[in-house]
C-alpha atoms as a PDB file:
ATOM      1  CA  MET A   1     104.359 118.231 110.992  1.00  0.00           C
ATOM      2  CA  ARG A   2     104.954 118.544 107.247  1.00  0.00           C
ATOM      3  CA  ALA A   3     106.694 115.166 107.168  1.00  0.00           C
ATOM      4  CA  LEU A   4     103.724 113.545 108.893  1.00  0.00           C
ATOM      5  CA  LEU A   5     101.273 115.096 106.457  1.00  0.00           C
ATOM      6  CA  ALA A   6     103.406 114.008 103.507  1.00  0.00           C
ATOM      7  CA  SER A   7     103.639 110.456 104.894  1.00  0.00           C
ATOM      8  CA  LEU A   8      99.891 110.211 105.413  1.00  0.00           C
ATOM      9  CA  THR A   9      99.187 111.514 101.915  1.00  0.00           C
ATOM     10  CA  LEU A  10     101.640 109.066 100.361  1.00  0.00           C
ATOM     11  CA  SER A  11     100.252 106.100 102.312  1.00  0.00           C
ATOM     12  CA  PHE A  12      96.746 106.957 101.104  1.00  0.00           C
ATOM     13  CA  PHE A  13      97.864 106.330  97.521  1.00  0.00           C
ATOM     14  CA  LEU A  14     100.080 103.298  98.213  1.00  0.00           C
ATOM     15  CA  PHE A  15      97.756 101.088 100.257  1.00  0.00           C
ATOM     16  CA  PRO A  16      94.880  99.363  98.473  1.00  0.00           C
ATOM     17  CA  THR A  17      91.311 100.117  99.443  1.00  0.00           C
ATOM     18  CA  SER A  18      88.347  97.809  99.770  1.00  0.00           C
ATOM     19  CA  SER A  19      86.928  99.121  96.487  1.00  0.00           C
ATOM     20  CA  ASP A  20      89.805  97.640  94.455  1.00  0.00           C
ATOM     21  CA  ALA A  21      88.660  95.524  91.567  1.00  0.00           C
ATOM     22  CA  ALA A  22      89.141  91.772  91.723  1.00  0.00           C
ATOM     23  CA  THR A  23      91.977  90.537  89.514  1.00  0.00           C
ATOM     24  CA  LEU A  24      93.451  87.101  88.962  1.00  0.00           C
ATOM     25  CA  ARG A  25      97.002  86.674  87.649  1.00  0.00           C
ATOM     26  CA  CYS A  26      97.696  83.447  85.756  1.00  0.00           C
ATOM     27  CA  GLY A  27     101.302  83.453  84.561  1.00  0.00           C
ATOM     28  CA  ASN A  28     101.561  86.459  82.230  1.00  0.00           C
ATOM     29  CA  ASN A  29      97.768  86.753  81.885  1.00  0.00           C
ATOM     30  CA  LEU A  30      95.561  88.999  83.978  1.00  0.00           C
ATOM     31  CA  VAL A  31      91.812  88.534  84.374  1.00  0.00           C
ATOM     32  CA  ALA A  32      89.709  91.343  85.890  1.00  0.00           C
ATOM     33  CA  ASP A  33      86.221  91.966  87.297  1.00  0.00           C
ATOM     34  CA  GLY A  34      83.437  91.172  84.879  1.00  0.00           C
ATOM     35  CA  ALA A  35      85.378  88.556  82.919  1.00  0.00           C
ATOM     36  CA  SER A  36      83.374  85.582  81.700  1.00  0.00           C
ATOM     37  CA  LYS A  37      84.073  82.012  82.800  1.00  0.00           C
ATOM     38  CA  SER A  38      85.274  81.175  79.282  1.00  0.00           C
ATOM     39  CA  ASP A  39      87.759  84.071  79.385  1.00  0.00           C
ATOM     40  CA  VAL A  40      89.127  82.817  82.721  1.00  0.00           C
ATOM     41  CA  LEU A  41      89.384  79.261  81.342  1.00  0.00           C
ATOM     42  CA  LEU A  42      91.225  80.541  78.267  1.00  0.00           C
ATOM     43  CA  LYS A  43      93.749  82.578  80.285  1.00  0.00           C
ATOM     44  CA  CYS A  44      94.146  80.407  83.403  1.00  0.00           C
ATOM     45  CA  GLY A  45      93.236  76.907  82.307  1.00  0.00           C
ATOM     46  CA  GLU A  46      91.137  74.364  84.176  1.00  0.00           C
ATOM     47  CA  PRO A  47      90.902  74.992  87.951  1.00  0.00           C
ATOM     48  CA  MET A  48      91.908  72.431  90.563  1.00  0.00           C
ATOM     49  CA  ALA A  49      88.358  72.439  91.993  1.00  0.00           C
ATOM     50  CA  LYS A  50      84.925  73.896  91.209  1.00  0.00           C
ATOM     51  CA  GLU A  51      82.035  74.450  93.608  1.00  0.00           C
ATOM     52  CA  SER A  52      78.594  75.741  92.675  1.00  0.00           C
ATOM     53  CA  ARG A  53      75.533  76.877  94.612  1.00  0.00           C
ATOM     54  CA  THR A  54      72.327  78.810  94.030  1.00  0.00           C
ATOM     55  CA  GLU A  55      71.216  81.675  96.262  1.00  0.00           C
ATOM     56  CA  SER A  56      67.854  83.393  96.454  1.00  0.00           C
ATOM     57  CA  VAL A  57      68.010  87.158  96.831  1.00  0.00           C
ATOM     58  CA  GLY A  58      65.141  89.572  97.461  1.00  0.00           C
ATOM     59  CA  GLU A  59      65.032  92.467  95.016  1.00  0.00           C
ATOM     60  CA  LYS A  60      62.857  95.530  95.633  1.00  0.00           C
ATOM     61  CA  THR A  61      61.586  97.894  92.963  1.00  0.00           C
ATOM     62  CA  ARG A  62      59.762 101.133  93.587  1.00  0.00           C
ATOM     63  CA  GLN A  63      57.316 102.764  91.192  1.00  0.00           C
ATOM     64  CA  LYS A  64      56.134 106.307  91.695  1.00  0.00           C
ATOM     65  CA  THR A  65      52.914 107.696  90.316  1.00  0.00           C
ATOM     66  CA  GLU A  66      51.484 111.156  90.730  1.00  0.00           C
ATOM     67  CA  ASP A  67      49.399 110.110  93.738  1.00  0.00           C
ATOM     68  CA  SER A  68      51.482 107.409  95.445  1.00  0.00           C
ATOM     69  CA  SER A  69      54.388 105.022  95.245  1.00  0.00           C
ATOM     70  CA  THR A  70      54.346 101.240  95.151  1.00  0.00           C
ATOM     71  CA  THR A  71      57.131  98.904  96.300  1.00  0.00           C
ATOM     72  CA  THR A  72      57.312  95.451  94.776  1.00  0.00           C
ATOM     73  CA  GLU A  73      59.583  92.675  95.988  1.00  0.00           C
ATOM     74  CA  ARG A  74      60.548  89.602  94.017  1.00  0.00           C
ATOM     75  CA  VAL A  75      62.984  86.757  94.565  1.00  0.00           C
ATOM     76  CA  VAL A  76      65.872  86.413  92.111  1.00  0.00           C
ATOM     77  CA  GLN A  77      68.080  83.319  91.793  1.00  0.00           C
ATOM     78  CA  LYS A  78      71.872  83.805  91.594  1.00  0.00           C
ATOM     79  CA  THR A  79      74.307  81.070  90.631  1.00  0.00           C
ATOM     80  CA  ILE A  80      77.565  81.362  92.583  1.00  0.00           C
ATOM     81  CA  GLU A  81      80.624  79.397  91.446  1.00  0.00           C
ATOM     82  CA  GLU A  82      84.012  79.232  93.151  1.00  0.00           C
ATOM     83  CA  TRP A  83      86.990  78.001  91.148  1.00  0.00           C
ATOM     84  CA  THR A  84      90.183  77.177  93.034  1.00  0.00           C
ATOM     85  CA  TYR A  85      93.533  77.591  91.285  1.00  0.00           C
ATOM     86  CA  ASN A  86      96.695  76.015  92.720  1.00  0.00           C
ATOM     87  CA  PHE A  87      99.793  77.727  91.308  1.00  0.00           C
ATOM     88  CA  GLY A  88     102.313  75.694  93.310  1.00  0.00           C
ATOM     89  CA  PRO A  89     104.112  75.932  96.662  1.00  0.00           C
ATOM     90  CA  GLN A  90     105.634  79.363  96.002  1.00  0.00           C
ATOM     91  CA  ARG A  91     102.276  81.130  95.498  1.00  0.00           C
ATOM     92  CA  LEU A  92      99.000  81.409  97.368  1.00  0.00           C
ATOM     93  CA  MET A  93      96.056  79.509  95.954  1.00  0.00           C
ATOM     94  CA  GLN A  94      93.439  81.761  94.359  1.00  0.00           C
ATOM     95  CA  VAL A  95      89.669  81.305  94.476  1.00  0.00           C
ATOM     96  CA  ALA A  96      87.805  82.989  91.622  1.00  0.00           C
ATOM     97  CA  VAL A  97      84.182  83.784  92.539  1.00  0.00           C
ATOM     98  CA  PHE A  98      81.612  84.060  89.748  1.00  0.00           C
ATOM     99  CA  GLU A  99      78.022  85.335  89.946  1.00  0.00           C
ATOM    100  CA  ASN A 100      75.853  84.305  87.011  1.00  0.00           C
ATOM    101  CA  GLY A 101      78.943  83.532  84.922  1.00  0.00           C
ATOM    102  CA  ARG A 102      80.904  86.750  85.598  1.00  0.00           C
ATOM    103  CA  LEU A 103      83.973  87.200  87.810  1.00  0.00           C
ATOM    104  CA  VAL A 104      83.078  89.285  90.887  1.00  0.00           C
ATOM    105  CA  ASP A 105      85.794  88.472  93.430  1.00  0.00           C
ATOM    106  CA  VAL A 106      89.159  86.770  93.900  1.00  0.00           C
ATOM    107  CA  LYS A 107      90.157  85.424  97.328  1.00  0.00           C
ATOM    108  CA  SER A 108      93.554  84.153  98.423  1.00  0.00           C
ATOM    109  CA  GLY A 109      93.922  80.795 100.147  1.00  0.00           C
ATOM    110  CA  GLY A 110      96.919  79.013 101.648  1.00  0.00           C
ATOM    111  CA  TYR A 111     100.067  78.118  99.763  1.00  0.00           C
ATOM    112  CA  GLY A 112      99.637  75.558  97.002  1.00  0.00           C
ATOM    113  CA  ARG A 113     101.279  72.164  96.662  1.00  0.00           C
END
């Protein structure tokens, strides 16, 4: 029983969780969540491909007064860019996802060429 408990505790710390920050490794350089596009370009170079799109997102704000509360909704535009990096046949391709110029996610693709 103790061995099982110890194994479960150890595995909790060893396996990544979904709240891990996005990071992109380019050679000896590491780029993390919140990095600007210029920082990624400086550390990783020009990507193999770039895709860009604009999304509309509803944003609600709530204001409370002494007597009541008011909810206001407005539409906000987000610019999403995906940069694909091909690091060769020994590594998975990496897709850096930017929202409004800041790195928010890194996805792995297939092996490069």
